[in-house]
Amino acid sequence: MSETLIDIVHLTKRFGAFTAVDRVSFSVARGEVLGFLGPNGAGKSTTMRMLAGFVRPSSGHASICGYDVQDEAVKARTCLGYLPEGAPAYRDMSVSDFLRFIGRIRGFDGAELRERVQHAVALTNLQDVSRLLIETLSKGTARRVGLAQALLHDPDVLVLDEPTDGLDPNQKHQIRALIRHMAPRKAIIISTHILEEVDAVCTRAIILAQGQIVADDTPLGLSRLHHTGRLEDVFRSLTVPDAA
């Protein structure tokens, strides 16, 4: 049986009277790539922020590599590479300076730091822009900088919020190939609204609506939930009220 690296139990987040995430439970094992799907406002990003330790849950708990993300935050984050929505970065830094900064925070220095930065730059095809300021980059290239910082320390767990947002078709192909290459060694969650991405890289998909899980299956299994077999139609039927 594969090693469980992500474990979420009854995770709930309320903002006043509004429940954004409602008792969500699931686990992800090493070798799994989980597609996290849902309409805007479904609770995807909030769930991922709670898993990453940036938002405290109202109830329930989450763990990464066996470490509770609230009670053992530093140990949990050591195992995590997180690409948040928007991939915030220090825009007045160059790409290489920013990655070196992240590497030092992660505890690397000297030759190991240089090797880690060079490897992350190569993985995300940033060699041609490594000396440019982040503020001068296109949205898609800045997104790849965010992905590079998530990969820098070669974590066992990756949580990626819209990793191909803003990328051109060739860049999307490269990032999807990279995810497939890494998948056997890691547990990966990808939030996406691109259903072809689920078919391309995911071994499993969860659909969230109104803060609750409405489906959890392989992409093939989900396709059987609608007579057309198209994931687009499955998604619509499960998330849109009164969908045909």
Protein backbone atom coordinates (compact mmCIF):
# COMPACT_ATOMS: atom_id res chain seq x y z
CA MET A 1 0.00 0.00 0.00
CA SER A 2 1.34 3.44 -0.96
CA GLU A 3 2.54 5.82 1.74
CA THR A 4 0.00 8.51 2.65
CA LEU A 5 1.67 11.93 2.53
CA ILE A 6 -1.38 14.22 2.78
CA ASP A 7 -4.20 13.58 5.22
CA ILE A 8 -7.17 15.93 5.64
CA VAL A 9 -9.89 15.11 8.17
CA HIS A 10 -13.17 17.04 8.52
CA LEU A 11 -11.48 20.29 7.52
CA THR A 12 -13.84 23.24 7.96
CA LYS A 13 -13.47 26.98 7.53
CA ARG A 14 -16.11 29.53 8.43
CA PHE A 15 -15.99 33.27 7.77
CA GLY A 16 -18.67 34.60 10.08
CA ALA A 17 -21.93 32.93 9.09
CA PHE A 18 -20.51 31.72 5.77
CA THR A 19 -19.00 28.23 5.58
CA ALA A 20 -16.37 28.22 2.83
CA VAL A 21 -15.16 24.64 3.45
CA ASP A 22 -17.51 22.13 5.10
CA ARG A 23 -16.01 19.01 6.75
CA VAL A 24 -13.80 18.03 3.81
CA SER A 25 -11.85 14.78 4.22
CA PHE A 26 -9.43 13.05 1.84
CA SER A 27 -5.89 11.69 1.67
CA VAL A 28 -3.25 11.62 -1.05
CA ALA A 29 -0.56 8.94 -1.32
CA ARG A 30 2.90 9.07 -2.83
CA GLY A 31 2.57 8.62 -6.58
CA GLU A 32 -0.85 10.27 -6.80
CA VAL A 33 -1.61 13.48 -8.70
CA LEU A 34 -4.93 14.80 -7.44
CA GLY A 35 -6.85 17.30 -9.54
CA PHE A 36 -8.84 19.70 -7.38
CA LEU A 37 -11.82 21.02 -9.33
CA GLY A 38 -14.75 23.28 -8.60
CA PRO A 39 -16.46 26.52 -9.63
CA ASN A 40 -15.26 29.87 -8.31
CA GLY A 41 -16.07 30.12 -4.62
CA ALA A 42 -16.23 26.35 -4.13
CA GLY A 43 -13.54 26.41 -1.44
CA LYS A 44 -10.56 25.05 -3.41
CA SER A 45 -8.04 27.79 -2.61
CA THR A 46 -9.20 28.01 1.01
CA THR A 47 -8.67 24.25 1.43
CA MET A 48 -5.19 24.51 -0.09
CA ARG A 49 -4.28 27.47 2.14
CA MET A 50 -5.37 25.52 5.21
CA LEU A 51 -3.29 22.53 4.06
CA ALA A 52 -0.29 24.82 3.56
CA GLY A 53 -0.73 26.26 7.06
CA PHE A 54 -1.52 29.81 5.95
CA VAL A 55 -5.17 29.75 7.07
CA ARG A 56 -6.21 28.27 10.41
CA PRO A 57 -9.21 25.93 10.12
CA SER A 58 -12.34 26.49 12.17
CA SER A 59 -12.30 22.76 12.90
CA GLY A 60 -10.74 19.55 11.63
CA HIS A 61 -7.07 19.05 10.89
CA ALA A 62 -4.56 18.40 8.12
CA SER A 63 -1.15 16.74 8.09
CA ILE A 64 1.75 16.56 5.65
CA CYS A 65 4.14 13.60 5.89
CA GLY A 66 2.62 12.84 9.29
CA TYR A 67 3.15 16.37 10.68
CA ASP A 68 0.12 18.40 11.73
CA VAL A 69 0.21 21.63 9.72
CA GLN A 70 -0.74 23.74 12.75
CA ASP A 71 0.94 21.98 15.68
CA GLU A 72 4.12 20.98 13.78
CA ALA A 73 4.13 23.78 11.20
CA VAL A 74 7.87 23.99 10.53
CA LYS A 75 8.28 20.24 10.02
CA ALA A 76 5.19 20.11 7.79
CA ARG A 77 6.37 23.02 5.63
CA THR A 78 9.79 21.42 5.24
CA CYS A 79 8.01 18.64 3.34
CA LEU A 80 5.84 21.00 1.29
CA GLY A 81 6.30 22.93 -1.94
CA TYR A 82 3.44 25.41 -2.29
CA LEU A 83 2.50 27.50 -5.31
CA PRO A 84 -0.26 29.86 -4.13
CA GLU A 85 -2.77 31.67 -6.27
CA GLY A 86 -1.01 34.63 -7.87
CA ALA A 87 2.46 33.34 -6.81
CA PRO A 88 3.49 36.43 -4.82
CA ALA A 89 7.19 37.25 -5.04
CA TYR A 90 9.54 40.18 -4.42
CA ARG A 91 9.09 41.87 -7.77
CA ASP A 92 12.14 44.14 -7.36
CA MET A 93 14.43 41.09 -7.17
CA SER A 94 15.87 39.26 -10.15
CA VAL A 95 14.73 35.69 -10.69
CA SER A 96 18.05 34.22 -9.50
CA ASP A 97 18.26 36.56 -6.48
CA PHE A 98 14.73 35.62 -5.44
CA LEU A 99 15.44 31.89 -5.71
CA ARG A 100 18.67 32.29 -3.75
CA PHE A 101 16.70 34.15 -1.09
CA ILE A 102 14.17 31.32 -0.90
CA GLY A 103 16.98 28.79 -0.77
CA ARG A 104 18.64 30.52 2.16
CA ILE A 105 15.31 30.56 4.01
CA ARG A 106 15.17 26.81 3.38
CA GLY A 107 18.60 26.45 5.01
CA PHE A 108 20.83 26.00 1.95
CA ASP A 109 24.08 27.85 1.34
CA GLY A 110 27.32 27.62 -0.62
CA ALA A 111 27.60 25.06 -3.40
CA GLU A 112 24.36 23.32 -2.44
CA LEU A 113 22.42 26.59 -2.73
CA ARG A 114 23.90 27.27 -6.18
CA GLU A 115 23.08 23.74 -7.33
CA ARG A 116 19.51 23.94 -5.99
CA VAL A 117 18.86 27.26 -7.75
CA GLN A 118 20.40 26.08 -11.03
CA HIS A 119 18.34 22.88 -10.93
CA ALA A 120 15.06 24.72 -10.21
CA VAL A 121 15.80 27.20 -13.01
CA ALA A 122 16.49 24.35 -15.44
CA LEU A 123 13.35 22.41 -14.44
CA THR A 124 11.15 25.44 -15.13
CA ASN A 125 13.05 26.69 -18.20
CA LEU A 126 13.99 30.06 -16.70
CA GLN A 127 17.60 30.17 -17.90
CA ASP A 128 16.99 33.03 -20.36
CA VAL A 129 15.35 35.28 -17.75
CA SER A 130 17.30 34.39 -14.59
CA ARG A 131 18.93 37.85 -14.40
CA LEU A 132 15.77 39.84 -15.15
CA LEU A 133 13.69 41.57 -12.49
CA ILE A 134 10.50 39.68 -11.68
CA GLU A 135 8.44 42.86 -12.25
CA THR A 136 9.47 42.82 -15.93
CA LEU A 137 8.27 39.27 -16.57
CA SER A 138 5.07 38.17 -18.26
CA LYS A 139 2.36 36.56 -16.13
CA GLY A 140 3.24 33.10 -17.39
CA THR A 141 6.96 33.49 -16.76
CA ALA A 142 6.34 34.89 -13.27
CA ARG A 143 4.16 31.83 -12.67
CA ARG A 144 7.11 29.60 -13.53
CA VAL A 145 9.25 31.52 -11.01
CA GLY A 146 6.63 30.66 -8.39
CA LEU A 147 6.80 27.02 -9.42
CA ALA A 148 10.61 27.08 -9.24
CA GLN A 149 10.54 28.27 -5.62
CA ALA A 150 8.10 25.46 -4.78
CA LEU A 151 10.46 22.86 -6.29
CA LEU A 152 13.71 24.29 -4.94
CA HIS A 153 14.02 21.98 -1.91
CA ASP A 154 12.67 18.87 -3.72
CA PRO A 155 9.74 18.36 -1.30
CA ASP A 156 7.73 15.16 -1.00
CA VAL A 157 4.45 17.08 -1.28
CA LEU A 158 3.47 19.69 -3.88
CA VAL A 159 0.34 21.84 -3.61
CA LEU A 160 -0.06 23.84 -6.80
CA ASP A 161 -2.86 26.38 -7.27
CA GLU A 162 -3.44 26.85 -11.03
CA PRO A 163 0.18 25.97 -11.99
CA THR A 164 -0.32 26.61 -15.73
CA ASP A 165 -2.30 29.85 -15.39
CA GLY A 166 -1.00 32.40 -17.91
CA LEU A 167 1.30 29.95 -19.71
CA ASP A 168 1.31 29.57 -23.49
CA PRO A 169 0.51 26.13 -24.98
CA ASN A 170 4.16 25.10 -25.24
CA GLN A 171 4.87 26.14 -21.62
CA LYS A 172 1.78 24.25 -20.45
CA HIS A 173 3.04 21.13 -22.21
CA GLN A 174 6.46 21.49 -20.53
CA ILE A 175 5.01 21.97 -17.04
CA ARG A 176 2.62 19.05 -17.44
CA ALA A 177 5.51 16.86 -18.58
CA LEU A 178 7.49 17.97 -15.53
CA ILE A 179 4.59 17.09 -13.20
CA ARG A 180 4.26 13.64 -14.78
CA HIS A 181 8.01 13.12 -14.37
CA MET A 182 7.92 14.03 -10.66
CA ALA A 183 4.67 12.23 -9.86
CA PRO A 184 5.98 8.75 -8.88
CA ARG A 185 8.12 10.23 -6.07
CA LYS A 186 5.64 12.74 -4.64
CA ALA A 187 2.06 13.43 -3.61
CA ILE A 188 0.75 16.30 -5.74
CA ILE A 189 -2.43 18.37 -5.57
CA ILE A 190 -3.27 20.60 -8.52
CA SER A 191 -6.11 23.08 -8.40
CA THR A 192 -7.24 23.76 -11.94
CA HIS A 193 -10.21 24.88 -14.01
CA ILE A 194 -8.71 23.32 -17.15
CA LEU A 195 -10.34 19.94 -17.53
CA GLU A 196 -7.86 18.78 -20.19
CA GLU A 197 -5.18 19.20 -17.51
CA VAL A 198 -6.95 16.61 -15.37
CA ASP A 199 -6.85 14.12 -18.25
CA ALA A 200 -3.24 15.02 -19.02
CA VAL A 201 -1.60 14.70 -15.59
CA CYS A 202 -3.99 13.56 -12.85
CA THR A 203 -4.48 10.04 -11.56
CA ARG A 204 -7.49 11.12 -9.52
CA ALA A 205 -9.86 14.09 -9.25
CA ILE A 206 -12.01 15.64 -6.55
CA ILE A 207 -14.85 18.00 -7.44
CA LEU A 208 -15.79 20.54 -4.78
CA ALA A 209 -19.03 22.53 -4.75
CA GLN A 210 -20.26 24.86 -2.01
CA GLY A 211 -17.40 23.74 0.21
CA GLN A 212 -18.20 20.03 0.01
CA ILE A 213 -16.81 17.10 -1.99
CA VAL A 214 -19.37 15.99 -4.59
CA ALA A 215 -17.14 13.51 -6.46
CA ASP A 216 -13.85 11.68 -5.87
CA ASP A 217 -12.66 9.25 -8.54
CA THR A 218 -10.19 8.67 -11.33
CA PRO A 219 -10.70 10.85 -14.43
CA LEU A 220 -12.02 7.75 -16.22
CA GLY A 221 -14.39 6.97 -13.35
CA LEU A 222 -15.70 10.53 -13.34
CA SER A 223 -16.28 10.43 -17.09
CA ARG A 224 -18.76 7.57 -16.53
CA LEU A 225 -20.98 9.83 -14.38
CA HIS A 226 -22.44 11.51 -17.47
CA HIS A 227 -23.81 9.89 -20.60
CA THR A 228 -21.51 11.92 -22.87
CA GLY A 229 -18.39 10.75 -21.02
CA ARG A 230 -16.99 14.29 -21.17
CA LEU A 231 -15.45 15.69 -17.98
CA GLU A 232 -16.86 19.10 -18.88
CA ASP A 233 -20.40 17.68 -18.71
CA VAL A 234 -19.69 15.78 -15.49
CA PHE A 235 -18.32 18.95 -13.89
CA ARG A 236 -21.34 20.98 -15.00
CA SER A 237 -23.86 18.38 -13.84
CA LEU A 238 -22.29 18.18 -10.37
CA THR A 239 -21.63 21.87 -9.74
CA VAL A 240 -24.34 23.83 -11.57
CA PRO A 241 -27.82 23.74 -9.97
CA ASP A 242 -30.43 22.11 -12.21
CA ALA A 243 -27.83 21.32 -14.89
CA ALA A 244 -29.14 19.03 -17.58
